[in-house]
PDB file of all heavy atoms in Angstrom:
ATOM      1  N   GLY A   1      67.887-189.448 -61.094  1.00  0.00           N
ATOM      2  CA  GLY A   1      67.722-187.976 -61.237  1.00  0.00           C
ATOM      3  C   GLY A   1      66.781-187.440 -60.307  1.00  0.00           C
ATOM      4  O   GLY A   1      66.310-188.172 -59.365  1.00  0.00           O
ATOM      5  N   ILE A   2      66.375-186.225 -60.455  1.00  0.00           N
ATOM      6  CA  ILE A   2      65.282-185.637 -59.723  1.00  0.00           C
ATOM      7  C   ILE A   2      64.296-184.979 -60.657  1.00  0.00           C
ATOM      8  O   ILE A   2      64.615-184.735 -61.842  1.00  0.00           O
ATOM      9  CB  ILE A   2      65.815-184.559 -58.719  1.00  0.00           C
ATOM     10  CG1 ILE A   2      66.612-183.434 -59.467  1.00  0.00           C
ATOM     11  CG2 ILE A   2      66.672-185.202 -57.620  1.00  0.00           C
ATOM     12  CD1 ILE A   2      67.075-182.332 -58.542  1.00  0.00           C
ATOM     13  N   ASP A   3      63.056-184.894 -60.174  1.00  0.00           N
ATOM     14  CA  ASP A   3      61.975-184.414 -61.083  1.00  0.00           C
ATOM     15  C   ASP A   3      61.397-183.088 -60.452  1.00  0.00           C
ATOM     16  O   ASP A   3      61.213-182.978 -59.247  1.00  0.00           O
ATOM     17  CB  ASP A   3      60.843-185.368 -61.155  1.00  0.00           C
ATOM     18  CG  ASP A   3      61.237-186.665 -61.891  1.00  0.00           C
ATOM     19  OD1 ASP A   3      62.323-186.602 -62.615  1.00  0.00           O
ATOM     20  OD2 ASP A   3      60.503-187.646 -61.786  1.00  0.00           O
ATOM     21  N   TYR A   4      61.204-182.132 -61.355  1.00  0.00           N
ATOM     22  CA  TYR A   4      60.571-180.834 -61.026  1.00  0.00           C
ATOM     23  C   TYR A   4      59.241-180.757 -61.793  1.00  0.00           C
ATOM     24  O   TYR A   4      59.274-180.761 -63.060  1.00  0.00           O
ATOM     25  CB  TYR A   4      61.412-179.641 -61.322  1.00  0.00           C
ATOM     26  CG  TYR A   4      62.552-179.506 -60.422  1.00  0.00           C
ATOM     27  CD1 TYR A   4      63.869-179.803 -60.832  1.00  0.00           C
ATOM     28  CD2 TYR A   4      62.423-179.073 -59.073  1.00  0.00           C
ATOM     29  CE1 TYR A   4      64.981-179.667 -59.948  1.00  0.00           C
ATOM     30  CE2 TYR A   4      63.463-178.894 -58.212  1.00  0.00           C
ATOM     31  CZ  TYR A   4      64.741-179.186 -58.637  1.00  0.00           C
ATOM     32  OH  TYR A   4      65.831-179.060 -57.785  1.00  0.00           O
ATOM     33  N   ALA A   5      58.091-180.741 -61.171  1.00  0.00           N
ATOM     34  CA  ALA A   5      56.828-180.477 -61.823  1.00  0.00           C
ATOM     35  C   ALA A   5      56.591-179.027 -62.026  1.00  0.00           C
ATOM     36  O   ALA A   5      56.929-178.245 -61.129  1.00  0.00           O
ATOM     37  CB  ALA A   5      55.686-181.112 -61.044  1.00  0.00           C
ATOM     38  N   ALA A   6      56.073-178.698 -63.164  1.00  0.00           N
ATOM     39  CA  ALA A   6      55.753-177.291 -63.500  1.00  0.00           C
ATOM     40  C   ALA A   6      54.759-177.327 -64.648  1.00  0.00           C
ATOM     41  O   ALA A   6      54.655-178.366 -65.370  1.00  0.00           O
ATOM     42  CB  ALA A   6      57.042-176.498 -63.871  1.00  0.00           C
ATOM     43  N   PRO A   7      54.075-176.191 -64.840  1.00  0.00           N
ATOM     44  CA  PRO A   7      53.147-176.162 -66.027  1.00  0.00           C
ATOM     45  C   PRO A   7      53.869-176.361 -67.338  1.00  0.00           C
ATOM     46  O   PRO A   7      55.051-175.989 -67.543  1.00  0.00           O
ATOM     47  CB  PRO A   7      52.574-174.709 -65.895  1.00  0.00           C
ATOM     48  CG  PRO A   7      52.775-174.292 -64.539  1.00  0.00           C
ATOM     49  CD  PRO A   7      54.078-174.953 -64.051  1.00  0.00           C
ATOM     50  N   GLU A   8      53.149-177.052 -68.249  1.00  0.00           N
ATOM     51  CA  GLU A   8      53.702-177.320 -69.505  1.00  0.00           C
ATOM     52  C   GLU A   8      54.093-176.076 -70.224  1.00  0.00           C
ATOM     53  O   GLU A   8      53.383-175.078 -70.122  1.00  0.00           O
ATOM     54  CB  GLU A   8      52.736-178.096 -70.400  1.00  0.00           C
ATOM     55  CG  GLU A   8      53.374-178.796 -71.592  1.00  0.00           C
ATOM     56  CD  GLU A   8      52.426-179.976 -72.088  1.00  0.00           C
ATOM     57  OE1 GLU A   8      51.563-180.456 -71.298  1.00  0.00           O
ATOM     58  OE2 GLU A   8      52.705-180.371 -73.167  1.00  0.00           O
ATOM     59  N   GLY A   9      55.288-176.020 -70.824  1.00  0.00           N
ATOM     60  CA  GLY A   9      55.806-174.816 -71.451  1.00  0.00           C
ATOM     61  C   GLY A   9      56.648-173.904 -70.662  1.00  0.00           C
ATOM     62  O   GLY A   9      57.338-173.070 -71.147  1.00  0.00           O
ATOM     63  N   THR A  10      56.826-174.221 -69.340  1.00  0.00           N
ATOM     64  CA  THR A  10      57.695-173.495 -68.472  1.00  0.00           C
ATOM     65  C   THR A  10      59.135-173.684 -68.937  1.00  0.00           C
ATOM     66  O   THR A  10      59.551-174.760 -69.271  1.00  0.00           O
ATOM     67  CB  THR A  10      57.604-174.023 -67.024  1.00  0.00           C
ATOM     68  OG1 THR A  10      56.309-173.848 -66.535  1.00  0.00           O
ATOM     69  CG2 THR A  10      58.553-173.282 -66.027  1.00  0.00           C
ATOM     70  N   ALA A  11      59.945-172.540 -68.919  1.00  0.00           N
ATOM     71  CA  ALA A  11      61.270-172.576 -69.438  1.00  0.00           C
ATOM     72  C   ALA A  11      62.179-173.473 -68.556  1.00  0.00           C
ATOM     73  O   ALA A  11      62.033-173.507 -67.344  1.00  0.00           O
ATOM     74  CB  ALA A  11      61.873-171.141 -69.400  1.00  0.00           C
ATOM     75  N   ILE A  12      63.096-174.128 -69.280  1.00  0.00           N
ATOM     76  CA  ILE A  12      64.127-174.916 -68.640  1.00  0.00           C
ATOM     77  C   ILE A  12      65.419-174.229 -68.989  1.00  0.00           C
ATOM     78  O   ILE A  12      65.676-173.939 -70.120  1.00  0.00           O
ATOM     79  CB  ILE A  12      64.134-176.402 -69.168  1.00  0.00           C
ATOM     80  CG1 ILE A  12      62.845-177.090 -68.876  1.00  0.00           C
ATOM     81  CG2 ILE A  12      65.321-177.191 -68.584  1.00  0.00           C
ATOM     82  CD1 ILE A  12      62.604-178.429 -69.598  1.00  0.00           C
ATOM     83  N   TYR A  13      66.294-174.073 -67.972  1.00  0.00           N
ATOM     84  CA  TYR A  13      67.570-173.379 -68.195  1.00  0.00           C
ATOM     85  C   TYR A  13      68.821-174.313 -68.049  1.00  0.00           C
ATOM     86  O   TYR A  13      68.749-175.292 -67.337  1.00  0.00           O
ATOM     87  CB  TYR A  13      67.741-172.346 -67.086  1.00  0.00           C
ATOM     88  CG  TYR A  13      66.614-171.385 -67.005  1.00  0.00           C
ATOM     89  CD1 TYR A  13      65.665-171.460 -65.957  1.00  0.00           C
ATOM     90  CD2 TYR A  13      66.421-170.413 -67.962  1.00  0.00           C
ATOM     91  CE1 TYR A  13      64.590-170.626 -65.867  1.00  0.00           C
ATOM     92  CE2 TYR A  13      65.340-169.500 -67.914  1.00  0.00           C
ATOM     93  CZ  TYR A  13      64.414-169.626 -66.869  1.00  0.00           C
ATOM     94  OH  TYR A  13      63.351-168.766 -66.788  1.00  0.00           O
ATOM     95  N   ALA A  14      69.822-174.007 -68.759  1.00  0.00           N
ATOM     96  CA  ALA A  14      71.077-174.813 -68.684  1.00  0.00           C
ATOM     97  C   ALA A  14      71.620-174.532 -67.281  1.00  0.00           C
ATOM     98  O   ALA A  14      71.719-173.349 -66.870  1.00  0.00           O
ATOM     99  CB  ALA A  14      72.103-174.347 -69.675  1.00  0.00           C
ATOM    100  N   SER A  15      71.951-175.563 -66.490  1.00  0.00           N
ATOM    101  CA  SER A  15      72.353-175.380 -65.140  1.00  0.00           C
ATOM    102  C   SER A  15      73.835-174.799 -65.065  1.00  0.00           C
ATOM    103  O   SER A  15      74.230-174.349 -64.003  1.00  0.00           O
ATOM    104  CB  SER A  15      72.261-176.647 -64.343  1.00  0.00           C
ATOM    105  OG  SER A  15      73.116-177.686 -64.865  1.00  0.00           O
ATOM    106  N   GLY A  16      74.504-174.869 -66.116  1.00  0.00           N
ATOM    107  CA  GLY A  16      75.848-174.325 -66.199  1.00  0.00           C
ATOM    108  C   GLY A  16      76.303-174.197 -67.626  1.00  0.00           C
ATOM    109  O   GLY A  16      75.723-174.769 -68.562  1.00  0.00           O
ATOM    110  N   GLY A  17      77.389-173.480 -67.872  1.00  0.00           N
ATOM    111  CA  GLY A  17      77.899-173.343 -69.217  1.00  0.00           C
ATOM    112  C   GLY A  17      78.576-174.591 -69.679  1.00  0.00           C
ATOM    113  O   GLY A  17      79.070-175.376 -68.881  1.00  0.00           O
ATOM    114  N   GLY A  18      78.561-174.757 -71.031  1.00  0.00           N
ATOM    115  CA  GLY A  18      79.227-175.993 -71.594  1.00  0.00           C
ATOM    116  C   GLY A  18      78.783-176.152 -73.021  1.00  0.00           C
ATOM    117  O   GLY A  18      78.372-175.236 -73.735  1.00  0.00           O
ATOM    118  N   VAL A  19      78.909-177.372 -73.500  1.00  0.00           N
ATOM    119  CA  VAL A  19      78.651-177.773 -74.900  1.00  0.00           C
ATOM    120  C   VAL A  19      77.650-178.951 -74.880  1.00  0.00           C
ATOM    121  O   VAL A  19      77.815-179.911 -74.103  1.00  0.00           O
ATOM    122  CB  VAL A  19      79.935-178.247 -75.639  1.00  0.00           C
ATOM    123  CG1 VAL A  19      79.647-178.706 -77.012  1.00  0.00           C
ATOM    124  CG2 VAL A  19      80.931-177.026 -75.660  1.00  0.00           C
ATOM    125  N   ILE A  20      76.666-178.885 -75.781  1.00  0.00           N
ATOM    126  CA  ILE A  20      75.684-179.965 -75.904  1.00  0.00           C
ATOM    127  C   ILE A  20      76.352-181.121 -76.556  1.00  0.00           C
ATOM    128  O   ILE A  20      76.881-181.029 -77.621  1.00  0.00           O
ATOM    129  CB  ILE A  20      74.458-179.529 -76.698  1.00  0.00           C
ATOM    130  CG1 ILE A  20      73.694-178.390 -75.956  1.00  0.00           C
ATOM    131  CG2 ILE A  20      73.558-180.704 -77.061  1.00  0.00           C
ATOM    132  CD1 ILE A  20      72.527-177.862 -76.630  1.00  0.00           C
ATOM    133  N   ASP A  21      76.449-182.291 -75.832  1.00  0.00           N
ATOM    134  CA  ASP A  21      77.012-183.450 -76.404  1.00  0.00           C
ATOM    135  C   ASP A  21      76.004-184.518 -76.760  1.00  0.00           C
ATOM    136  O   ASP A  21      76.311-185.396 -77.551  1.00  0.00           O
ATOM    137  CB  ASP A  21      78.171-184.062 -75.528  1.00  0.00           C
ATOM    138  CG  ASP A  21      77.711-184.650 -74.288  1.00  0.00           C
ATOM    139  OD1 ASP A  21      76.542-184.456 -73.852  1.00  0.00           O
ATOM    140  OD2 ASP A  21      78.483-185.422 -73.662  1.00  0.00           O
ATOM    141  N   LYS A  22      74.752-184.392 -76.392  1.00  0.00           N
ATOM    142  CA  LYS A  22      73.608-185.157 -76.852  1.00  0.00           C
ATOM    143  C   LYS A  22      72.336-184.326 -76.911  1.00  0.00           C
ATOM    144  O   LYS A  22      72.070-183.619 -75.978  1.00  0.00           O
ATOM    145  CB  LYS A  22      73.408-186.380 -75.917  1.00  0.00           C
ATOM    146  CG  LYS A  22      74.515-187.431 -75.943  1.00  0.00           C
ATOM    147  CD  LYS A  22      74.104-188.658 -75.254  1.00  0.00           C
ATOM    148  CE  LYS A  22      75.264-189.595 -75.332  1.00  0.00           C
ATOM    149  NZ  LYS A  22      74.945-190.947 -75.656  1.00  0.00           N
ATOM    150  N   ILE A  23      71.647-184.513 -77.977  1.00  0.00           N
ATOM    151  CA  ILE A  23      70.276-183.920 -78.095  1.00  0.00           C
ATOM    152  C   ILE A  23      69.504-184.790 -79.079  1.00  0.00           C
ATOM    153  O   ILE A  23      69.852-184.984 -80.206  1.00  0.00           O
ATOM    154  CB  ILE A  23      70.398-182.386 -78.600  1.00  0.00           C
ATOM    155  CG1 ILE A  23      69.019-181.785 -78.671  1.00  0.00           C
ATOM    156  CG2 ILE A  23      71.217-182.310 -79.840  1.00  0.00           C
ATOM    157  CD1 ILE A  23      69.020-180.272 -78.880  1.00  0.00           C
ATOM    158  N   TYR A  24      68.500-185.485 -78.488  1.00  0.00           N
ATOM    159  CA  TYR A  24      67.738-186.415 -79.324  1.00  0.00           C
ATOM    160  C   TYR A  24      66.421-186.767 -78.641  1.00  0.00           C
ATOM    161  O   TYR A  24      66.080-186.267 -77.596  1.00  0.00           O
ATOM    162  CB  TYR A  24      68.529-187.684 -79.517  1.00  0.00           C
ATOM    163  CG  TYR A  24      68.804-188.454 -78.258  1.00  0.00           C
ATOM    164  CD1 TYR A  24      68.004-189.554 -77.851  1.00  0.00           C
ATOM    165  CD2 TYR A  24      69.891-188.181 -77.425  1.00  0.00           C
ATOM    166  CE1 TYR A  24      68.251-190.265 -76.728  1.00  0.00           C
ATOM    167  CE2 TYR A  24      70.194-188.890 -76.306  1.00  0.00           C
ATOM    168  CZ  TYR A  24      69.338-189.940 -75.924  1.00  0.00           C
ATOM    169  OH  TYR A  24      69.602-190.673 -74.744  1.00  0.00           O
ATOM    170  N   VAL A  25      65.579-187.506 -79.365  1.00  0.00           N
ATOM    171  CA  VAL A  25      64.299-187.979 -78.814  1.00  0.00           C
ATOM    172  C   VAL A  25      64.402-189.480 -78.530  1.00  0.00           C
ATOM    173  O   VAL A  25      64.871-190.260 -79.410  1.00  0.00           O
ATOM    174  CB  VAL A  25      63.165-187.727 -79.862  1.00  0.00           C
ATOM    175  CG1 VAL A  25      61.868-188.237 -79.292  1.00  0.00           C
ATOM    176  CG2 VAL A  25      63.143-186.275 -80.212  1.00  0.00           C
ATOM    177  N   SER A  26      64.121-189.857 -77.300  1.00  0.00           N
ATOM    178  CA  SER A  26      64.183-191.186 -76.743  1.00  0.00           C
ATOM    179  C   SER A  26      62.794-191.698 -76.453  1.00  0.00           C
ATOM    180  O   SER A  26      61.911-190.928 -76.074  1.00  0.00           O
ATOM    181  CB  SER A  26      65.067-191.166 -75.534  1.00  0.00           C
ATOM    182  OG  SER A  26      64.796-192.271 -74.673  1.00  0.00           O
ATOM    183  N   LYS A  27      62.642-193.073 -76.506  1.00  0.00           N
ATOM    184  CA  LYS A  27      61.328-193.599 -76.182  1.00  0.00           C
ATOM    185  C   LYS A  27      61.034-193.409 -74.712  1.00  0.00           C
ATOM    186  O   LYS A  27      59.943-193.079 -74.309  1.00  0.00           O
ATOM    187  CB  LYS A  27      61.342-195.132 -76.495  1.00  0.00           C
ATOM    188  CG  LYS A  27      60.075-195.841 -76.206  1.00  0.00           C
ATOM    189  CD  LYS A  27      60.090-197.311 -76.541  1.00  0.00           C
ATOM    190  CE  LYS A  27      58.769-197.956 -76.161  1.00  0.00           C
ATOM    191  NZ  LYS A  27      58.764-199.395 -76.405  1.00  0.00           N
ATOM    192  N   SER A  28      62.042-193.604 -73.811  1.00  0.00           N
ATOM    193  CA  SER A  28      61.835-193.456 -72.351  1.00  0.00           C
ATOM    194  C   SER A  28      61.959-192.024 -71.901  1.00  0.00           C
ATOM    195  O   SER A  28      61.235-191.530 -71.085  1.00  0.00           O
ATOM    196  CB  SER A  28      62.702-194.393 -71.585  1.00  0.00           C
ATOM    197  OG  SER A  28      64.028-194.200 -71.869  1.00  0.00           O
ATOM    198  N   TYR A  29      63.040-191.346 -72.330  1.00  0.00           N
ATOM    199  CA  TYR A  29      63.359-189.992 -71.881  1.00  0.00           C
ATOM    200  C   TYR A  29      62.570-188.885 -72.603  1.00  0.00           C
ATOM    201  O   TYR A  29      62.635-187.706 -72.219  1.00  0.00           O
ATOM    202  CB  TYR A  29      64.880-189.703 -71.953  1.00  0.00           C
ATOM    203  CG  TYR A  29      65.666-190.216 -70.785  1.00  0.00           C
ATOM    204  CD1 TYR A  29      66.767-191.050 -71.039  1.00  0.00           C
ATOM    205  CD2 TYR A  29      65.364-189.906 -69.499  1.00  0.00           C
ATOM    206  CE1 TYR A  29      67.609-191.457 -69.981  1.00  0.00           C
ATOM    207  CE2 TYR A  29      66.130-190.381 -68.435  1.00  0.00           C
ATOM    208  CZ  TYR A  29      67.287-191.204 -68.701  1.00  0.00           C
ATOM    209  OH  TYR A  29      68.057-191.628 -67.638  1.00  0.00           O
ATOM    210  N   GLY A  30      62.040-189.230 -73.706  1.00  0.00           N
ATOM    211  CA  GLY A  30      61.410-188.177 -74.575  1.00  0.00           C
ATOM    212  C   GLY A  30      62.454-187.232 -75.092  1.00  0.00           C
ATOM    213  O   GLY A  30      63.566-187.685 -75.460  1.00  0.00           O
ATOM    214  N   ASN A  31      62.130-185.994 -75.197  1.00  0.00           N
ATOM    215  CA  ASN A  31      63.111-184.994 -75.674  1.00  0.00           C
ATOM    216  C   ASN A  31      64.247-184.843 -74.584  1.00  0.00           C
ATOM    217  O   ASN A  31      63.967-184.522 -73.448  1.00  0.00           O
ATOM    218  CB  ASN A  31      62.503-183.628 -75.908  1.00  0.00           C
ATOM    219  CG  ASN A  31      61.447-183.726 -77.084  1.00  0.00           C
ATOM    220  OD1 ASN A  31      61.691-184.503 -77.986  1.00  0.00           O
ATOM    221  ND2 ASN A  31      60.420-182.957 -77.015  1.00  0.00           N
ATOM    222  N   TYR A  32      65.490-185.084 -75.016  1.00  0.00           N
ATOM    223  CA  TYR A  32      66.619-185.182 -74.100  1.00  0.00           C
ATOM    224  C   TYR A  32      67.805-184.371 -74.543  1.00  0.00           C
ATOM    225  O   TYR A  32      68.156-184.329 -75.720  1.00  0.00           O
ATOM    226  CB  TYR A  32      67.034-186.660 -74.026  1.00  0.00           C
ATOM    227  CG  TYR A  32      68.268-187.006 -73.152  1.00  0.00           C
ATOM    228  CD1 TYR A  32      68.070-187.337 -71.837  1.00  0.00           C
ATOM    229  CD2 TYR A  32      69.503-186.953 -73.708  1.00  0.00           C
ATOM    230  CE1 TYR A  32      69.170-187.629 -71.061  1.00  0.00           C
ATOM    231  CE2 TYR A  32      70.614-187.247 -72.977  1.00  0.00           C
ATOM    232  CZ  TYR A  32      70.426-187.616 -71.637  1.00  0.00           C
ATOM    233  OH  TYR A  32      71.521-187.939 -70.843  1.00  0.00           O
ATOM    234  N   ILE A  33      68.384-183.666 -73.603  1.00  0.00           N
ATOM    235  CA  ILE A  33      69.636-182.917 -73.864  1.00  0.00           C
ATOM    236  C   ILE A  33      70.609-183.190 -72.743  1.00  0.00           C
ATOM    237  O   ILE A  33      70.259-183.259 -71.586  1.00  0.00           O
ATOM    238  CB  ILE A  33      69.341-181.368 -73.819  1.00  0.00           C
ATOM    239  CG1 ILE A  33      68.560-180.917 -75.042  1.00  0.00           C
ATOM    240  CG2 ILE A  33      70.695-180.551 -73.807  1.00  0.00           C
ATOM    241  CD1 ILE A  33      68.224-179.425 -75.092  1.00  0.00           C
ATOM    242  N   ARG A  34      71.862-183.378 -73.126  1.00  0.00           N
ATOM    243  CA  ARG A  34      72.997-183.522 -72.165  1.00  0.00           C
ATOM    244  C   ARG A  34      74.012-182.481 -72.489  1.00  0.00           C
ATOM    245  O   ARG A  34      74.432-182.342 -73.631  1.00  0.00           O
ATOM    246  CB  ARG A  34      73.554-184.929 -72.142  1.00  0.00           C
ATOM    247  CG  ARG A  34      74.555-185.128 -70.990  1.00  0.00           C
ATOM    248  CD  ARG A  34      75.034-186.531 -70.806  1.00  0.00           C
ATOM    249  NE  ARG A  34      75.988-186.761 -71.950  1.00  0.00           N
ATOM    250  CZ  ARG A  34      76.330-187.962 -72.280  1.00  0.00           C
ATOM    251  NH1 ARG A  34      75.862-189.074 -71.742  1.00  0.00           N
ATOM    252  NH2 ARG A  34      77.187-188.174 -73.343  1.00  0.00           N
ATOM    253  N   ILE A  35      74.443-181.787 -71.420  1.00  0.00           N
ATOM    254  CA  ILE A  35      75.448-180.709 -71.581  1.00  0.00           C
ATOM    255  C   ILE A  35      76.742-181.177 -70.884  1.00  0.00           C
ATOM    256  O   ILE A  35      76.700-181.526 -69.685  1.00  0.00           O
ATOM    257  CB  ILE A  35      74.953-179.384 -71.041  1.00  0.00           C
ATOM    258  CG1 ILE A  35      73.734-178.925 -71.756  1.00  0.00           C
ATOM    259  CG2 ILE A  35      76.063-178.304 -71.080  1.00  0.00           C
ATOM    260  CD1 ILE A  35      72.981-177.727 -71.044  1.00  0.00           C
ATOM    261  N   LYS A  36      77.839-181.107 -71.570  1.00  0.00           N
ATOM    262  CA  LYS A  36      79.138-181.353 -70.963  1.00  0.00           C
ATOM    263  C   LYS A  36      79.710-180.026 -70.480  1.00  0.00           C
ATOM    264  O   LYS A  36      79.810-179.083 -71.249  1.00  0.00           O
ATOM    265  CB  LYS A  36      80.125-181.999 -72.015  1.00  0.00           C
ATOM    266  CG  LYS A  36      81.540-182.157 -71.539  1.00  0.00           C
ATOM    267  CD  LYS A  36      81.680-183.336 -70.629  1.00  0.00           C
ATOM    268  CE  LYS A  36      83.078-183.518 -70.220  1.00  0.00           C
ATOM    269  NZ  LYS A  36      83.336-183.553 -68.826  1.00  0.00           N
TER     270      LYS A  36
END
């Protein structure tokens, strides 16, 4: 993937329309969302 550094709390936007097919907390990824 690619990483974008920004101040904590900065908004993250859905890069496109779709449906959330995964949303969970992972040991390595932390808070994780995947949009189909």
